[in-house]
Amino acid sequence: MKETVYEEENPSETNTELEKIDVSEIKAYIDQNFDSQLSLESISDRFHFNKNYVARNFKEIYGTSIGSYIQIVRICKAKELLRFSTKTVEAIGSECGYDDKNYFSRVFKKVEGCSPSEFRKRWMSRSYEE
């Protein structure tokens, strides 16, 4: 008779739970690829984790959802470009991951309280006053 050794396995742990997610890698990926079409689904697929697991851990560590973080990164880059370049609003929106100029303007206004053009004008007028 053959002896078989059975290792006890904790039934509450799955393979994905055994592999801990490093959300700092996800954050770095977003920071480097903000201009791409990013979504919770595409990021989860890239890192081979369940999207709910990724969303929960990201929010727990950074205090914001992945979607909101992507938006923050894009708008921060847009503000930088509006201040320090002469690119058009449409070009800046595209460079920041927004395919539609109108959508970019709506999101920018929602976040900043003014349109991208108004933001640029305000910034330029402050520069000249100093």
Protein backbone atom coordinates (compact mmCIF):
# COMPACT_ATOMS: atom_id res chain seq x y z
CA MET A 1 0.00 0.00 0.00
CA LYS A 2 1.37 3.39 -1.01
CA GLU A 3 1.51 6.12 1.53
CA THR A 4 0.25 9.45 0.36
CA VAL A 5 1.17 12.64 2.10
CA TYR A 6 -1.56 15.21 2.08
CA GLU A 7 -0.70 18.77 2.87
CA GLU A 8 -3.44 20.58 4.63
CA GLU A 9 -4.59 23.53 2.66
CA ASN A 10 -6.42 26.47 4.09
CA PRO A 11 -9.68 26.42 2.13
CA SER A 12 -10.27 30.14 2.67
CA GLU A 13 -7.13 31.09 0.75
CA THR A 14 -7.18 31.15 -3.02
CA ASN A 15 -4.21 31.55 -5.34
CA THR A 16 -4.93 35.24 -5.89
CA GLU A 17 -5.13 35.88 -2.16
CA LEU A 18 -1.81 34.13 -1.63
CA GLU A 19 -0.19 36.51 -4.10
CA LYS A 20 -0.38 39.94 -2.52
CA ILE A 21 -1.09 42.81 -4.82
CA ASP A 22 1.46 45.63 -4.90
CA VAL A 23 -0.70 48.66 -5.59
CA SER A 24 2.36 50.89 -5.84
CA GLU A 25 3.15 49.08 -9.10
CA ILE A 26 -0.35 49.86 -10.35
CA LYS A 27 0.02 53.51 -9.32
CA ALA A 28 3.37 53.71 -11.14
CA TYR A 29 1.79 52.12 -14.21
CA ILE A 30 -0.98 54.73 -14.22
CA ASP A 31 1.56 57.54 -13.73
CA GLN A 32 3.52 56.34 -16.76
CA ASN A 33 0.55 55.47 -18.98
CA PHE A 34 -2.05 58.12 -18.12
CA ASP A 35 -2.25 59.09 -21.78
CA SER A 36 -3.47 55.60 -22.75
CA GLN A 37 -6.97 54.21 -22.60
CA LEU A 38 -6.93 53.08 -18.97
CA SER A 39 -9.73 51.45 -17.05
CA LEU A 40 -10.07 49.32 -13.95
CA GLU A 41 -10.66 46.32 -16.22
CA SER A 42 -7.58 46.88 -18.38
CA ILE A 43 -5.37 47.48 -15.35
CA SER A 44 -6.73 44.39 -13.57
CA ASP A 45 -6.10 42.29 -16.67
CA ARG A 46 -2.57 43.62 -17.01
CA PHE A 47 -1.71 42.75 -13.41
CA HIS A 48 -3.71 39.48 -13.42
CA PHE A 49 -5.94 40.27 -10.48
CA ASN A 50 -9.70 40.47 -10.02
CA LYS A 51 -10.92 44.02 -10.65
CA ASN A 52 -12.81 44.20 -7.35
CA TYR A 53 -9.68 43.10 -5.49
CA VAL A 54 -7.58 45.73 -7.27
CA ALA A 55 -10.17 48.47 -6.68
CA ARG A 56 -10.55 47.66 -2.99
CA ASN A 57 -6.79 47.53 -2.32
CA PHE A 58 -6.02 50.68 -4.33
CA LYS A 59 -8.69 52.67 -2.49
CA GLU A 60 -7.55 51.29 0.87
CA ILE A 61 -3.95 52.40 0.27
CA TYR A 62 -4.46 55.69 -1.61
CA GLY A 63 -7.89 56.79 -0.42
CA THR A 64 -9.31 57.22 -3.92
CA SER A 65 -10.65 55.02 -6.67
CA ILE A 66 -8.51 54.07 -9.66
CA GLY A 67 -10.82 56.05 -11.97
CA SER A 68 -10.48 59.17 -9.83
CA TYR A 69 -6.72 58.75 -9.61
CA ILE A 70 -6.42 58.46 -13.40
CA GLN A 71 -8.48 61.64 -13.72
CA ILE A 72 -6.29 63.47 -11.18
CA VAL A 73 -3.08 62.49 -12.98
CA ARG A 74 -4.48 63.54 -16.36
CA ILE A 75 -5.75 66.91 -15.12
CA CYS A 76 -2.46 67.66 -13.34
CA LYS A 77 -0.56 66.99 -16.56
CA ALA A 78 -3.07 69.12 -18.50
CA LYS A 79 -2.57 72.01 -16.06
CA GLU A 80 1.18 71.77 -16.52
CA LEU A 81 0.83 71.82 -20.30
CA LEU A 82 -1.64 74.71 -20.20
CA ARG A 83 0.81 76.73 -18.12
CA PHE A 84 4.07 75.93 -19.86
CA SER A 85 3.23 75.22 -23.50
CA THR A 86 1.46 76.87 -26.37
CA LYS A 87 -0.29 73.69 -27.48
CA THR A 88 -3.98 73.89 -28.25
CA VAL A 89 -6.54 72.71 -25.72
CA GLU A 90 -7.45 69.91 -28.11
CA ALA A 91 -3.81 68.77 -28.38
CA ILE A 92 -3.38 68.90 -24.61
CA GLY A 93 -6.55 66.88 -24.05
CA SER A 94 -5.34 64.27 -26.51
CA GLU A 95 -1.90 64.16 -24.92
CA CYS A 96 -3.55 63.59 -21.55
CA GLY A 97 -5.64 60.63 -22.68
CA TYR A 98 -8.86 62.35 -23.73
CA ASP A 99 -9.94 61.64 -27.31
CA ASP A 100 -12.81 64.12 -27.23
CA LYS A 101 -11.98 67.82 -26.71
CA ASN A 102 -15.44 68.55 -25.34
CA TYR A 103 -15.25 65.72 -22.82
CA PHE A 104 -11.79 66.89 -21.74
CA SER A 105 -13.13 70.42 -21.24
CA ARG A 106 -16.11 69.16 -19.22
CA VAL A 107 -13.90 67.02 -16.95
CA PHE A 108 -11.38 69.84 -16.54
CA LYS A 109 -14.12 72.31 -15.62
CA LYS A 110 -15.65 69.86 -13.15
CA VAL A 111 -12.29 69.37 -11.41
CA GLU A 112 -10.84 72.90 -11.63
CA GLY A 113 -13.98 75.05 -11.71
CA CYS A 114 -13.06 76.69 -15.00
CA SER A 115 -12.45 75.67 -18.61
CA PRO A 116 -8.93 74.84 -19.82
CA SER A 117 -8.85 78.11 -21.81
CA GLU A 118 -9.90 80.13 -18.75
CA PHE A 119 -7.28 78.33 -16.66
CA ARG A 120 -4.59 79.28 -19.17
CA LYS A 121 -5.75 82.92 -19.29
CA ARG A 122 -5.77 83.17 -15.48
CA TRP A 123 -2.32 81.63 -15.29
CA MET A 124 -0.95 83.98 -17.96
CA SER A 125 -2.43 87.05 -16.26
CA ARG A 126 -0.85 86.04 -12.93
CA SER A 127 2.53 85.58 -14.61
CA TYR A 128 2.42 89.06 -16.06
CA GLU A 129 1.38 90.63 -12.74
CA GLU A 130 4.43 89.29 -10.93
